[in-house]
């Protein structure tokens, strides 16, 4: 009984990242004016959990928010981080 329980728990822990939301689709978000007056390109990423998150292209990097808490030069990497 204990072996079965341990096996099930191990399988659940290993497969847990597979259930995380992932980017599903990108749409054009147009241009957005930030609080400091700068205009940036935006892209809306739709995740597999149907959450829509804007990504901002600032200085050649895609950022999750205006503060730049996470930025990456590749849009897909930023989208994966945003959907998690």
Protein backbone atom coordinates (compact mmCIF):
# COMPACT_ATOMS: atom_id res chain seq x y z
CA UNK A 1 0.00 0.00 0.00
CA UNK A 2 2.77 2.41 0.91
CA UNK A 3 4.63 1.66 -2.34
CA UNK A 4 1.54 2.44 -4.37
CA UNK A 5 1.02 5.71 -2.54
CA UNK A 6 4.66 6.70 -3.02
CA UNK A 7 4.48 5.80 -6.72
CA UNK A 8 1.36 7.89 -7.25
CA UNK A 9 2.80 10.88 -5.38
CA UNK A 10 6.06 10.70 -7.34
CA UNK A 11 4.22 10.56 -10.66
CA UNK A 12 2.12 13.56 -9.66
CA UNK A 13 5.18 15.60 -8.73
CA UNK A 14 6.99 14.74 -11.94
CA UNK A 15 4.01 15.62 -14.15
CA UNK A 16 3.05 18.83 -12.28
CA UNK A 17 4.97 21.18 -14.63
CA UNK A 18 3.07 19.69 -17.56
CA UNK A 19 -0.13 21.23 -16.20
CA UNK A 20 1.24 24.79 -16.10
CA UNK A 21 -0.35 27.26 -18.52
CA UNK A 22 1.53 27.83 -21.76
CA UNK A 23 1.31 30.48 -24.49
CA UNK A 24 -1.42 29.62 -26.99
CA UNK A 25 -1.67 32.61 -29.32
CA UNK A 26 -0.25 36.09 -29.92
CA UNK A 27 -2.25 39.09 -31.11
CA UNK A 28 -1.17 42.59 -31.99
CA UNK A 29 -1.70 44.99 -29.12
CA UNK A 30 -0.80 48.13 -31.08
CA UNK A 31 1.20 50.87 -29.44
CA UNK A 32 0.89 51.81 -25.78
CA UNK A 33 2.00 55.03 -24.09
CA UNK A 34 3.68 54.35 -20.76
CA UNK A 35 3.57 56.53 -17.66
CA UNK A 36 6.88 58.18 -18.55
CA UNK A 37 5.51 59.24 -21.96
CA UNK A 38 7.39 56.69 -24.06
CA UNK A 39 5.48 54.76 -26.72
CA UNK A 40 6.12 51.02 -26.96
CA UNK A 41 4.85 48.16 -29.12
CA UNK A 42 2.56 45.71 -27.35
CA UNK A 43 1.61 42.12 -28.04
CA UNK A 44 -1.17 40.24 -26.24
CA UNK A 45 -0.37 36.64 -25.37
CA UNK A 46 -3.28 34.29 -24.68
CA UNK A 47 -2.37 31.40 -22.40
CA UNK A 48 -3.88 27.91 -22.35
CA UNK A 49 -5.83 28.91 -19.22
CA UNK A 50 -7.47 31.68 -21.35
CA UNK A 51 -5.68 34.48 -19.51
CA UNK A 52 -4.66 37.40 -21.76
CA UNK A 53 -1.40 39.11 -20.76
CA UNK A 54 0.15 42.13 -22.50
CA UNK A 55 3.85 42.00 -23.37
CA UNK A 56 5.66 45.28 -23.99
CA UNK A 57 8.59 45.67 -26.40
CA UNK A 58 10.94 48.06 -24.61
CA UNK A 59 14.44 48.67 -25.97
CA UNK A 60 14.35 45.50 -28.08
CA UNK A 61 13.25 43.29 -25.19
CA UNK A 62 9.79 41.89 -24.42
CA UNK A 63 8.73 42.75 -20.86
CA UNK A 64 5.87 41.43 -18.78
CA UNK A 65 5.02 44.80 -17.22
CA UNK A 66 5.94 48.48 -17.31
CA UNK A 67 8.44 48.13 -14.46
CA UNK A 68 10.38 45.50 -16.41
CA UNK A 69 10.19 42.85 -13.67
CA UNK A 70 11.04 40.25 -16.33
CA UNK A 71 12.32 41.00 -19.83
CA UNK A 72 13.79 38.81 -22.55
CA UNK A 73 14.86 39.50 -26.12
CA UNK A 74 12.74 36.57 -27.35
CA UNK A 75 8.98 37.11 -27.19
CA UNK A 76 8.24 33.40 -26.65
CA UNK A 77 10.47 33.18 -23.56
CA UNK A 78 8.77 36.23 -22.03
CA UNK A 79 5.35 34.75 -22.90
CA UNK A 80 6.19 31.44 -21.20
CA UNK A 81 7.23 33.30 -18.05
CA UNK A 82 4.07 35.45 -18.15
CA UNK A 83 1.78 32.43 -18.45
CA UNK A 84 3.28 30.54 -15.50
